[in-house]
Amino acid sequence: MEGAASECGRDVVLRRLTIGRRISEYISKSHNARVRYNAYDCFIKLIERNSHDFPEVWAHRMRTPRKKREVEEFVGMLRVPSVPKRETDELALRLLWLLDQMERQKRAGAAEKPVARQMAVPNRARA
């Protein structure tokens, strides 16, 4: 029984490390205009598919000054798109919306609720 609990705990740590690496990867790719669309799309999927672990990993990341600075630059770039492409702008807005919802839930004390379920809104409301 202890082996199963240890195995489960290790899986959680590995999953969170993977989420953290993916966050770094998508943030760095977002600086490349050629791959920005795909990076935003993958970031959105990462948040939605890992709605239980993502907020905690994101909060941990924001406690590290260097990583927090990277995140702030990334979010600033989402707000001011450099290349006017409708598809990329829509993904950037959706990603901003997801991150904003996560922050609002944290402030409201609802961090234990799954992010993706609370964020289910029609596509037209996202843009």
Protein backbone atom coordinates (compact mmCIF):
# COMPACT_ATOMS: atom_id res chain seq x y z
CA MET A 1 0.00 0.00 0.00
CA GLU A 2 2.84 2.40 0.84
CA GLY A 3 4.45 1.63 -2.52
CA ALA A 4 1.28 2.67 -4.34
CA ALA A 5 1.07 5.96 -2.42
CA SER A 6 4.74 6.62 -3.10
CA GLU A 7 4.23 5.83 -6.79
CA CYS A 8 1.23 8.17 -6.97
CA GLY A 9 3.16 10.98 -5.26
CA ARG A 10 6.06 10.54 -7.67
CA ASP A 11 3.66 10.66 -10.63
CA VAL A 12 2.22 13.96 -9.37
CA VAL A 13 5.69 15.47 -9.03
CA LEU A 14 6.69 14.29 -12.51
CA ARG A 15 3.46 15.64 -14.01
CA ARG A 16 4.00 19.04 -12.37
CA LEU A 17 7.63 19.17 -13.52
CA THR A 18 6.44 18.40 -17.04
CA ILE A 19 3.83 21.17 -16.85
CA GLY A 20 6.52 23.59 -15.67
CA ARG A 21 8.82 22.63 -18.55
CA ARG A 22 5.96 23.04 -21.02
CA ILE A 23 5.17 26.51 -19.65
CA SER A 24 8.80 27.53 -20.20
CA GLU A 25 8.79 26.00 -23.69
CA TYR A 26 5.60 27.78 -24.79
CA ILE A 27 6.72 31.10 -23.33
CA SER A 28 10.04 30.91 -25.20
CA LYS A 29 8.33 29.84 -28.44
CA SER A 30 5.88 32.72 -28.17
CA HIS A 31 8.77 35.10 -28.91
CA ASN A 32 9.14 33.50 -32.34
CA ALA A 33 6.49 34.94 -34.68
CA ARG A 34 6.59 31.87 -36.96
CA VAL A 35 5.57 29.45 -34.20
CA ARG A 36 3.49 31.79 -32.02
CA TYR A 37 0.09 30.47 -33.17
CA ASN A 38 1.02 26.88 -32.31
CA ALA A 39 2.60 27.91 -28.99
CA TYR A 40 -0.56 29.75 -27.91
CA ASP A 41 -2.77 26.86 -28.97
CA CYS A 42 -0.61 24.37 -27.05
CA PHE A 43 -0.54 26.62 -23.97
CA ILE A 44 -4.35 26.78 -23.96
CA LYS A 45 -4.55 22.99 -24.22
CA LEU A 46 -2.01 22.63 -21.40
CA ILE A 47 -4.17 24.77 -19.10
CA GLU A 48 -7.42 23.03 -20.01
CA ARG A 49 -6.07 19.48 -19.79
CA ASN A 50 -4.24 20.03 -16.52
CA SER A 51 -6.83 22.18 -14.79
CA HIS A 52 -6.14 20.57 -11.41
CA ASP A 53 -2.34 20.96 -11.35
CA PHE A 54 -1.76 23.99 -13.58
CA PRO A 55 -2.74 26.76 -11.10
CA GLU A 56 -0.36 25.42 -8.45
CA VAL A 57 2.52 25.08 -10.92
CA TRP A 58 1.81 28.61 -12.23
CA ALA A 59 1.73 30.02 -8.67
CA HIS A 60 5.02 28.27 -7.87
CA ARG A 61 6.54 29.77 -11.01
CA MET A 62 5.39 33.25 -10.02
CA ARG A 63 7.30 32.97 -6.72
CA THR A 64 10.64 32.78 -8.57
CA PRO A 65 11.75 36.31 -9.58
CA ARG A 66 13.39 35.34 -12.91
CA LYS A 67 10.46 33.17 -13.98
CA LYS A 68 7.97 35.78 -12.80
CA ARG A 69 9.71 38.34 -15.01
CA GLU A 70 9.44 35.93 -17.99
CA VAL A 71 5.74 35.44 -17.30
CA GLU A 72 5.13 39.18 -17.01
CA GLU A 73 6.88 39.77 -20.36
CA PHE A 74 4.85 36.96 -21.92
CA VAL A 75 1.53 38.29 -20.63
CA GLY A 76 2.50 41.80 -21.77
CA MET A 77 3.22 40.41 -25.23
CA LEU A 78 -0.19 38.73 -25.28
CA ARG A 79 -1.85 42.08 -24.60
CA VAL A 80 0.03 43.87 -27.39
CA PRO A 81 0.25 41.56 -30.41
CA SER A 82 3.18 42.40 -32.67
CA VAL A 83 1.91 40.81 -35.88
CA PRO A 84 -1.74 41.51 -36.69
CA LYS A 85 -3.10 38.06 -37.51
CA ARG A 86 -6.67 37.40 -36.55
CA GLU A 87 -6.16 33.75 -35.56
CA THR A 88 -3.16 34.51 -33.36
CA ASP A 89 -4.93 37.48 -31.76
CA GLU A 90 -7.94 35.30 -30.92
CA LEU A 91 -5.72 32.66 -29.32
CA ALA A 92 -3.84 35.34 -27.39
CA LEU A 93 -7.13 36.75 -26.08
CA ARG A 94 -8.34 33.29 -25.08
CA LEU A 95 -5.06 32.55 -23.31
CA LEU A 96 -5.22 35.87 -21.45
CA TRP A 97 -8.80 35.07 -20.47
CA LEU A 98 -7.83 31.63 -19.11
CA LEU A 99 -4.96 33.08 -17.09
CA ASP A 100 -7.19 35.87 -15.79
CA GLN A 101 -9.89 33.39 -14.75
CA MET A 102 -7.30 31.35 -12.91
CA GLU A 103 -6.12 34.46 -11.02
CA ARG A 104 -9.71 35.43 -10.16
CA GLN A 105 -10.44 31.96 -8.83
CA LYS A 106 -7.31 32.07 -6.70
CA ARG A 107 -8.31 35.45 -5.26
CA ALA A 108 -11.85 34.20 -4.63
CA GLY A 109 -10.52 31.14 -2.81
CA ALA A 110 -11.90 28.70 -5.38
CA ALA A 111 -8.52 27.27 -6.41
CA GLU A 112 -9.63 23.74 -5.54
CA LYS A 113 -12.27 23.75 -8.30
CA PRO A 114 -11.19 22.56 -11.76
CA VAL A 115 -10.28 25.51 -13.99
CA ALA A 116 -11.53 24.06 -17.29
CA ARG A 117 -15.03 23.35 -16.00
CA GLN A 118 -15.48 26.88 -14.68
CA MET A 119 -14.05 28.37 -17.85
CA ALA A 120 -16.42 26.71 -20.27
CA VAL A 121 -17.87 29.60 -22.23
CA PRO A 122 -19.06 29.86 -25.82
CA ASN A 123 -16.37 30.68 -28.41
CA ARG A 124 -17.96 33.99 -29.29
CA ALA A 125 -17.65 35.14 -25.65
CA ARG A 126 -13.91 34.37 -25.67
CA ALA A 127 -12.97 36.66 -28.51
